[in-house]
Amino acid sequence: MEQRSILRNRTFTFILCSGFLAVMGYTMFFMTTAWYVIAEAGSSQLLGVVLIAITVPRLAMMVFGGVLADRLKKTTIMFSTSMAQSIFLFIIFLLHSADTMSMLYLILFGMLFGTLDAFSGPASASLIPKIVQPSQIQQANAFYQGASQAGIIAGPVLAGAVMEASGVSAGYLTAFLVVFLSAVLMFPPFLNEGAPENQVKQTPLKDLQEGFYHIKYSTFLITGILVLITLNFFAFGAIQISIPILVEVHGGSPINLSYIEVALGAGMLFSSALLGVVQIKRRGVTSIIGLTAILVTALIFSQTADLLVLAGLAFLIGFSMVFVYIPFFTSVHEKTDERIMGRVMSVIFLAMNGFDPIAYAGVTLLLANGFDIQNVIAAFALTGLTIAFLLLWKGKTYRKDVSEVSQTEA
């Protein structure tokens, strides 16, 4: 019997659209807040404090978000968090419109906004294998990640255009409308999720320990998490903070910065679309080869002075990134008991997102001590390559990971 197209799956389509809008709204809030702090509040030195208030609670609460994702309906969590975030955005809009905004309010709402995002991330990531066929998991992951990348690109563009035309208040109001629409699309009665998988009655602490024990005794998961940490610390995190510095060093302008950032996102979007069509069979090898390709490109990136070439290299880095984590995500979704899926995905999300700020701090510290940015990126890339080769050599279980669907068909 012919398999139904994944885009004809009503639940998945709603989640896809809602995820796009949620990421778009988050990036709009992030950019609008950064612009407000610098341009209107005149407190550029406090920008780091505000951004930390948004990101650190998100990282700190992510593992608890995984526990909740296994206990409750995932669509209920996603709807509730998006609705609460939209309410916070509307309050911020009202405060700014009334000219009563303060840094204290902004830090407080930033912490709340980031904390809520920590609960929606693991819920959305662990929902996919529950609503699609096993043979469609890679395609679903690719489409969902592609939608997220589209949101990352579209959010700053829309926020910039709205603020240019109507100011910061309009930016917050638009972000509110986008996030509110995301919540509406995730309204549980619209979807058909089914009951939560985890019916074991135990304390949240026991739930958390169970998730960590599962990861601790899985060589496959530990290797995959090390791959993600290497990617985000030695490659993506270091490159993200270095892009504006390199543009300035090579005499570029804000438009050059935009080109490079868009090229990075476009590369990720393009490869996500590709993996929505092409099925990867040898997932472990593909993931490590993707990591190696990124680090080699990062090494070339560090020694390139031409801004147009830098944009092309950024595209290649973004393109290769999806080949690192989509195969891993797909295997995790196929191999992990759905009862603990939320907890496993929360740790994976932490590995993906938790090392970017550490990379930012590391690069900043080295630059403050007089090291050249190009040499810093090169050192990060070479260290990452060494780790990648070790993972390829030692990670036999991960390296031999293949598509379960292809095995069944064989």
Protein backbone atom coordinates (compact mmCIF):
# COMPACT_ATOMS: atom_id res chain seq x y z
CA MET A 1 0.00 0.00 0.00
CA GLU A 2 1.30 3.43 -0.93
CA GLN A 3 2.45 5.49 2.04
CA ARG A 4 0.65 8.77 2.65
CA SER A 5 2.75 11.90 2.11
CA ILE A 6 4.00 13.37 5.37
CA LEU A 7 2.62 16.79 4.38
CA ARG A 8 -0.87 15.24 4.30
CA ASN A 9 -0.46 14.36 7.98
CA ARG A 10 -2.61 17.09 9.56
CA THR A 11 -0.99 16.92 12.99
CA PHE A 12 2.54 17.13 11.58
CA THR A 13 1.60 20.03 9.28
CA PHE A 14 0.18 22.02 12.20
CA ILE A 15 3.29 21.31 14.28
CA LEU A 16 5.54 22.28 11.36
CA CYS A 17 3.80 25.65 10.92
CA SER A 18 3.64 26.26 14.66
CA GLY A 19 7.34 25.46 15.05
CA PHE A 20 8.26 27.88 12.27
CA LEU A 21 6.26 30.67 13.91
CA ALA A 22 7.58 29.89 17.41
CA VAL A 23 11.23 30.13 16.28
CA MET A 24 10.45 33.21 14.23
CA GLY A 25 8.82 34.89 17.24
CA TYR A 26 11.73 33.94 19.53
CA THR A 27 14.32 35.44 17.15
CA MET A 28 12.16 38.55 16.72
CA PHE A 29 12.02 39.00 20.50
CA PHE A 30 15.79 38.43 20.72
CA MET A 31 16.63 40.97 18.00
CA THR A 32 14.09 43.59 19.11
CA THR A 33 15.37 43.38 22.69
CA ALA A 34 19.01 43.69 21.59
CA TRP A 35 18.16 46.77 19.50
CA TYR A 36 16.16 48.35 22.34
CA VAL A 37 19.02 47.87 24.83
CA ILE A 38 21.62 49.39 22.50
CA ALA A 39 19.68 52.09 20.64
CA GLU A 40 17.03 53.29 23.10
CA ALA A 41 18.16 52.35 26.60
CA GLY A 42 21.72 53.36 25.73
CA SER A 43 23.07 50.47 27.79
CA SER A 44 25.19 48.50 25.35
CA GLN A 45 27.30 47.30 28.27
CA LEU A 46 24.17 45.60 29.70
CA LEU A 47 23.33 43.79 26.48
CA GLY A 48 25.30 40.75 27.64
CA VAL A 49 23.35 40.70 30.92
CA VAL A 50 20.01 40.72 29.10
CA LEU A 51 21.07 38.02 26.62
CA ILE A 52 22.37 35.86 29.49
CA ALA A 53 19.01 36.36 31.26
CA ILE A 54 17.30 34.95 28.16
CA THR A 55 19.66 32.06 27.38
CA VAL A 56 21.00 30.73 30.70
CA PRO A 57 17.60 29.86 32.33
CA ARG A 58 16.67 28.20 29.03
CA LEU A 59 19.72 25.95 29.27
CA ALA A 60 19.40 25.34 33.03
CA MET A 61 15.77 24.21 32.81
CA MET A 62 16.04 22.12 29.65
CA VAL A 63 16.56 18.74 31.37
CA PHE A 64 13.48 19.37 33.54
CA GLY A 65 11.62 20.21 30.34
CA GLY A 66 12.41 16.67 29.20
CA VAL A 67 10.93 15.19 32.38
CA LEU A 68 7.73 17.17 31.83
CA ALA A 69 7.59 16.16 28.15
CA ASP A 70 7.43 12.49 29.20
CA ARG A 71 4.75 13.12 31.82
CA LEU A 72 2.27 15.34 29.96
CA LYS A 73 0.91 15.64 26.45
CA LYS A 74 3.58 17.32 24.39
CA THR A 75 1.09 19.42 22.44
CA THR A 76 -0.31 20.74 25.74
CA ILE A 77 3.19 21.82 26.82
CA MET A 78 3.89 23.51 23.48
CA PHE A 79 0.54 25.29 23.46
CA SER A 80 0.88 26.47 27.07
CA THR A 81 4.44 27.76 26.69
CA SER A 82 3.71 29.61 23.43
CA MET A 83 0.56 31.17 24.90
CA ALA A 84 2.45 32.31 28.03
CA GLN A 85 5.27 33.73 25.89
CA SER A 86 2.76 35.66 23.79
CA ILE A 87 1.26 37.15 26.98
CA PHE A 88 4.72 38.23 28.15
CA LEU A 89 5.41 39.83 24.77
CA PHE A 90 2.13 41.74 24.93
CA ILE A 91 3.00 43.04 28.42
CA ILE A 92 6.42 44.15 27.14
CA PHE A 93 4.68 45.91 24.25
CA LEU A 94 2.37 47.73 26.66
CA LEU A 95 5.27 48.74 28.91
CA HIS A 96 7.29 50.09 26.00
CA SER A 97 4.29 51.91 24.51
CA ALA A 98 3.61 53.56 27.87
CA ASP A 99 7.31 54.49 28.18
CA THR A 100 7.56 52.58 31.47
CA MET A 101 9.99 49.91 30.28
CA SER A 102 13.03 49.37 32.51
CA MET A 103 16.05 47.09 32.36
CA LEU A 104 14.75 45.23 35.41
CA TYR A 105 11.47 44.42 33.65
CA LEU A 106 13.35 43.35 30.52
CA ILE A 107 15.69 41.04 32.43
CA LEU A 108 12.76 39.52 34.34
CA PHE A 109 10.67 38.85 31.24
CA GLY A 110 13.77 37.63 29.39
CA MET A 111 14.32 35.01 32.11
CA LEU A 112 10.68 33.92 31.96
CA PHE A 113 10.67 33.79 28.16
CA GLY A 114 13.85 31.68 28.07
CA THR A 115 12.63 29.34 30.81
CA LEU A 116 9.42 28.61 28.91
CA ASP A 117 11.41 27.88 25.76
CA ALA A 118 13.30 25.21 27.73
CA PHE A 119 10.04 23.26 28.13
CA SER A 120 8.80 23.58 24.55
CA GLY A 121 12.08 22.42 22.91
CA PRO A 122 12.23 18.85 24.30
CA ALA A 123 8.45 18.48 23.86
CA SER A 124 8.55 19.34 20.14
CA ALA A 125 11.66 17.21 19.49
CA SER A 126 10.19 14.13 21.19
CA LEU A 127 6.77 14.53 19.55
CA ILE A 128 7.87 13.71 15.99
CA PRO A 129 8.24 9.90 16.32
CA LYS A 130 4.83 9.81 17.96
CA ILE A 131 2.93 11.34 15.03
CA VAL A 132 4.69 10.00 11.89
CA GLN A 133 5.47 6.57 10.46
CA PRO A 134 8.91 5.09 11.34
CA SER A 135 10.03 5.33 7.70
CA GLN A 136 9.19 9.06 7.73
CA ILE A 137 11.17 10.06 10.83
CA GLN A 138 14.23 11.37 8.94
CA GLN A 139 12.00 13.31 6.54
CA ALA A 140 9.98 14.74 9.43
CA ASN A 141 13.15 15.81 11.28
CA ALA A 142 14.54 17.41 8.13
CA PHE A 143 11.33 19.33 7.43
CA TYR A 144 11.01 20.46 11.04
CA GLN A 145 14.63 21.62 11.23
CA GLY A 146 14.21 23.32 7.85
CA ALA A 147 11.16 25.18 9.15
CA SER A 148 13.16 26.22 12.24
CA GLN A 149 15.99 27.54 10.06
CA ALA A 150 13.48 29.43 7.92
CA GLY A 151 12.15 30.99 11.14
CA ILE A 152 15.67 31.95 12.21
CA ILE A 153 16.19 33.73 8.88
CA ALA A 154 12.72 35.30 8.63
CA GLY A 155 12.52 36.52 12.26
CA PRO A 156 15.36 39.07 12.19
CA VAL A 157 14.39 40.22 8.70
CA LEU A 158 10.79 40.91 9.76
CA ALA A 159 11.84 42.45 13.08
CA GLY A 160 14.29 44.78 11.33
CA ALA A 161 11.74 45.83 8.72
CA VAL A 162 9.02 46.49 11.32
CA MET A 163 11.33 48.47 13.61
CA GLU A 164 12.66 50.46 10.65
CA ALA A 165 9.10 51.40 9.67
CA SER A 166 7.34 51.78 13.04
CA GLY A 167 9.79 51.45 15.94
CA VAL A 168 10.49 49.04 18.79
CA SER A 169 6.91 48.91 20.11
CA ALA A 170 5.72 47.65 16.74
CA GLY A 171 8.52 45.06 16.81
CA TYR A 172 7.28 43.66 20.13
CA LEU A 173 3.65 43.76 18.96
CA THR A 174 4.50 41.83 15.79
CA ALA A 175 6.48 39.27 17.80
CA PHE A 176 3.43 38.86 20.07
CA LEU A 177 1.14 38.21 17.08
CA VAL A 178 3.55 35.66 15.59
CA VAL A 179 3.94 33.71 18.85
CA PHE A 180 0.19 33.90 19.57
CA LEU A 181 -0.55 32.38 16.15
CA SER A 182 1.97 29.65 16.92
CA ALA A 183 0.02 28.83 20.10
CA VAL A 184 -3.31 28.77 18.24
CA LEU A 185 -1.98 26.22 15.74
CA MET A 186 -0.85 24.04 18.65
CA PHE A 187 -4.24 24.12 20.42
CA PRO A 188 -4.57 20.47 21.63
CA PRO A 189 -8.17 19.88 20.41
CA PHE A 190 -6.92 20.62 16.85
CA LEU A 191 -4.43 17.74 17.10
CA ASN A 192 -4.53 14.03 17.75
CA GLU A 193 -1.54 13.21 19.93
CA GLY A 194 -2.71 10.41 22.20
CA ALA A 195 -1.95 9.77 25.87
CA PRO A 196 1.52 10.35 27.39
CA GLU A 197 3.78 7.27 27.16
CA ASN A 198 5.28 7.51 30.65
CA GLN A 199 2.74 6.05 33.09
CA VAL A 200 5.31 5.00 35.72
CA LYS A 201 4.51 6.62 39.05
CA GLN A 202 7.76 7.99 40.51
CA THR A 203 9.22 11.31 41.61
CA PRO A 204 10.54 13.85 39.09
CA LEU A 205 14.03 13.25 40.49
CA LYS A 206 13.69 9.52 39.73
CA ASP A 207 12.47 10.42 36.23
CA LEU A 208 15.54 12.58 35.74
CA GLN A 209 17.91 9.88 37.06
CA GLU A 210 16.31 7.28 34.78
CA GLY A 211 16.98 9.48 31.74
CA PHE A 212 20.62 10.04 32.69
CA TYR A 213 21.17 6.34 33.41
CA HIS A 214 19.81 5.46 29.98
CA ILE A 215 22.28 7.82 28.33
CA LYS A 216 25.18 6.78 30.61
CA TYR A 217 24.96 3.15 29.52
CA SER A 218 24.45 3.85 25.80
CA THR A 219 27.74 4.12 23.89
CA PHE A 220 25.79 5.28 20.85
CA LEU A 221 24.17 8.19 22.69
CA ILE A 222 27.36 9.27 24.44
CA THR A 223 29.29 9.32 21.15
CA GLY A 224 26.51 11.26 19.41
CA ILE A 225 26.39 13.82 22.22
CA LEU A 226 30.19 14.24 22.01
CA VAL A 227 29.79 14.85 18.27
CA LEU A 228 27.25 17.61 18.98
CA ILE A 229 29.43 19.17 21.70
CA THR A 230 32.41 19.22 19.33
CA LEU A 231 30.26 20.79 16.63
CA ASN A 232 28.85 23.54 18.83
CA PHE A 233 31.97 24.39 20.83
CA PHE A 234 34.82 24.07 18.34
CA ALA A 235 32.95 24.98 15.15
CA PHE A 236 29.57 26.69 15.26
CA GLY A 237 29.94 28.64 18.51
CA ALA A 238 33.41 29.93 17.64
CA ILE A 239 32.35 30.87 14.10
CA GLN A 240 29.15 32.61 15.22
CA ILE A 241 30.99 35.05 17.48
CA SER A 242 33.85 35.49 15.01
CA ILE A 243 31.73 36.50 12.00
CA PRO A 244 31.11 40.15 13.02
CA ILE A 245 34.73 40.44 14.20
CA LEU A 246 36.08 39.16 10.89
CA VAL A 247 33.79 41.48 8.92
CA GLU A 248 35.18 44.43 10.87
CA VAL A 249 38.80 43.23 10.57
CA HIS A 250 38.47 42.89 6.79
CA GLY A 251 36.84 46.30 6.36
CA GLY A 252 33.29 45.12 5.77
CA SER A 253 29.96 46.81 6.56
CA PRO A 254 26.69 45.67 8.20
CA ILE A 255 25.43 44.51 4.79
CA ASN A 256 28.40 42.13 4.52
CA LEU A 257 27.55 40.80 7.97
CA SER A 258 23.96 40.19 6.84
CA TYR A 259 25.12 38.34 3.72
CA ILE A 260 27.29 35.95 5.74
CA GLU A 261 24.60 35.30 8.37
CA VAL A 262 21.95 34.69 5.70
CA ALA A 263 24.33 32.40 3.79
CA LEU A 264 24.84 30.31 6.93
CA GLY A 265 21.09 29.94 7.47
CA ALA A 266 20.43 29.32 3.76
CA GLY A 267 22.95 26.45 3.75
CA MET A 268 21.12 24.79 6.64
CA LEU A 269 17.76 25.34 4.98
CA PHE A 270 18.96 23.87 1.66
CA SER A 271 20.40 20.70 3.20
CA SER A 272 17.29 20.25 5.37
CA ALA A 273 15.20 20.25 2.18
CA LEU A 274 17.63 17.75 0.62
CA LEU A 275 17.37 15.35 3.56
CA GLY A 276 13.60 15.61 3.32
CA VAL A 277 13.95 13.73 0.02
CA VAL A 278 17.16 11.64 0.29
CA GLN A 279 17.24 8.82 2.85
CA ILE A 280 20.58 8.39 4.66
CA LYS A 281 21.50 4.77 5.33
CA ARG A 282 24.90 4.98 7.09
CA ARG A 283 23.94 7.60 9.63
CA GLY A 284 26.86 7.41 12.06
CA VAL A 285 29.54 7.75 9.38
CA THR A 286 27.56 10.52 7.66
CA SER A 287 27.32 12.46 10.93
CA ILE A 288 31.07 12.31 11.65
CA ILE A 289 31.98 13.10 8.03
CA GLY A 290 29.67 16.13 8.25
CA LEU A 291 31.45 17.26 11.42
CA THR A 292 34.85 16.82 9.76
CA ALA A 293 33.72 18.81 6.70
CA ILE A 294 32.57 21.69 8.92
CA LEU A 295 35.85 21.82 10.82
CA VAL A 296 37.94 21.74 7.62
CA THR A 297 35.79 24.54 6.19
CA ALA A 298 36.17 26.47 9.46
CA LEU A 299 39.95 26.18 9.12
CA ILE A 300 39.76 27.66 5.61
CA PHE A 301 37.25 30.24 6.91
CA SER A 302 39.76 31.42 9.51
CA GLN A 303 42.41 32.24 6.89
CA THR A 304 40.16 33.89 4.27
CA ALA A 305 40.07 37.68 3.88
CA ASP A 306 37.61 37.98 0.98
CA LEU A 307 34.12 38.70 2.38
CA LEU A 308 32.32 37.15 -0.59
CA VAL A 309 34.33 33.94 -0.17
CA LEU A 310 33.51 34.01 3.56
CA ALA A 311 29.80 34.05 2.68
CA GLY A 312 30.30 31.03 0.42
CA LEU A 313 32.17 29.17 3.15
CA ALA A 314 29.42 30.06 5.64
CA PHE A 315 26.92 28.46 3.26
CA LEU A 316 29.00 25.26 3.21
CA ILE A 317 29.23 25.23 7.01
CA GLY A 318 25.45 25.62 7.33
CA PHE A 319 24.89 22.96 4.65
CA SER A 320 27.14 20.43 6.43
CA MET A 321 25.66 21.06 9.90
CA VAL A 322 22.36 19.41 9.06
CA PHE A 323 24.21 16.23 8.02
CA VAL A 324 25.63 16.06 11.55
CA TYR A 325 22.50 16.23 13.67
CA ILE A 326 19.59 15.03 11.47
CA PRO A 327 21.01 11.48 11.11
CA PHE A 328 21.66 11.38 14.86
CA PHE A 329 18.19 12.69 15.74
CA THR A 330 16.59 10.12 13.43
CA SER A 331 18.47 7.21 15.01
CA VAL A 332 17.63 8.43 18.52
CA HIS A 333 13.95 8.60 17.59
CA GLU A 334 14.07 5.06 16.20
CA LYS A 335 16.10 3.46 19.01
CA THR A 336 14.77 5.19 22.15
CA ASP A 337 11.77 4.04 24.16
CA GLU A 338 9.08 6.71 23.75
CA ARG A 339 8.51 6.63 27.52
CA ILE A 340 11.85 8.41 28.08
CA MET A 341 12.13 10.23 24.74
CA GLY A 342 11.62 13.70 26.24
CA ARG A 343 14.40 13.24 28.81
CA VAL A 344 16.86 11.91 26.21
CA MET A 345 16.09 14.71 23.76
CA SER A 346 16.44 17.35 26.49
CA VAL A 347 20.03 16.25 27.18
CA ILE A 348 20.75 16.23 23.44
CA PHE A 349 19.31 19.74 23.14
CA LEU A 350 21.49 20.81 26.05
CA ALA A 351 24.57 19.46 24.25
CA MET A 352 23.52 21.32 21.10
CA ASN A 353 22.84 24.66 22.77
CA GLY A 354 24.78 24.68 26.02
CA PHE A 355 28.26 24.97 24.57
CA ASP A 356 27.68 27.99 22.32
CA PRO A 357 27.90 30.48 25.25
CA ILE A 358 31.03 28.72 26.52
CA ALA A 359 32.59 29.07 23.07
CA TYR A 360 31.64 32.77 23.02
CA ALA A 361 33.32 33.26 26.39
CA GLY A 362 36.42 31.30 25.35
CA VAL A 363 36.92 33.25 22.13
CA THR A 364 36.32 36.57 23.93
CA LEU A 365 38.85 35.68 26.63
CA LEU A 366 41.52 34.76 24.07
CA LEU A 367 40.94 37.96 22.11
CA ALA A 368 41.17 40.00 25.33
CA ASN A 369 44.59 38.45 25.91
CA GLY A 370 45.87 39.61 22.55
CA PHE A 371 45.35 36.56 20.34
CA ASP A 372 44.42 37.15 16.69
CA ILE A 373 40.86 36.12 15.76
CA GLN A 374 42.02 34.14 12.72
CA ASN A 375 44.48 32.14 14.82
CA VAL A 376 41.83 31.53 17.47
CA ILE A 377 39.38 30.06 14.95
CA ALA A 378 42.14 27.97 13.40
CA ALA A 379 43.13 26.59 16.83
CA PHE A 380 39.49 25.73 17.63
CA ALA A 381 39.06 24.02 14.24
CA LEU A 382 42.27 21.96 14.56
CA THR A 383 41.35 20.84 18.08
CA GLY A 384 37.88 19.90 16.87
CA LEU A 385 39.36 17.92 13.95
CA THR A 386 41.51 15.94 16.36
CA ILE A 387 38.44 15.05 18.42
CA ALA A 388 36.45 14.19 15.26
CA PHE A 389 39.13 11.73 14.12
CA LEU A 390 39.20 10.16 17.60
CA LEU A 391 35.41 9.75 17.54
CA LEU A 392 35.61 8.19 14.07
CA TRP A 393 38.31 5.79 15.31
CA LYS A 394 36.88 4.90 18.72
CA GLY A 395 33.14 5.25 18.10
CA LYS A 396 32.53 1.82 16.58
CA THR A 397 28.89 1.56 17.69
CA TYR A 398 28.15 5.06 16.38
CA ARG A 399 30.11 4.51 13.17
CA LYS A 400 28.17 1.35 12.36
CA ASP A 401 24.77 2.98 12.90
CA VAL A 402 22.57 2.41 9.85
CA SER A 403 18.95 3.08 8.91
CA GLU A 404 16.58 0.61 10.55
CA VAL A 405 14.20 1.12 7.65
CA SER A 406 16.82 0.03 5.12
CA GLN A 407 17.64 -3.01 7.25
CA THR A 408 13.96 -3.99 7.33
CA GLU A 409 13.62 -3.56 3.60
CA ALA A 410 16.76 -5.64 3.03
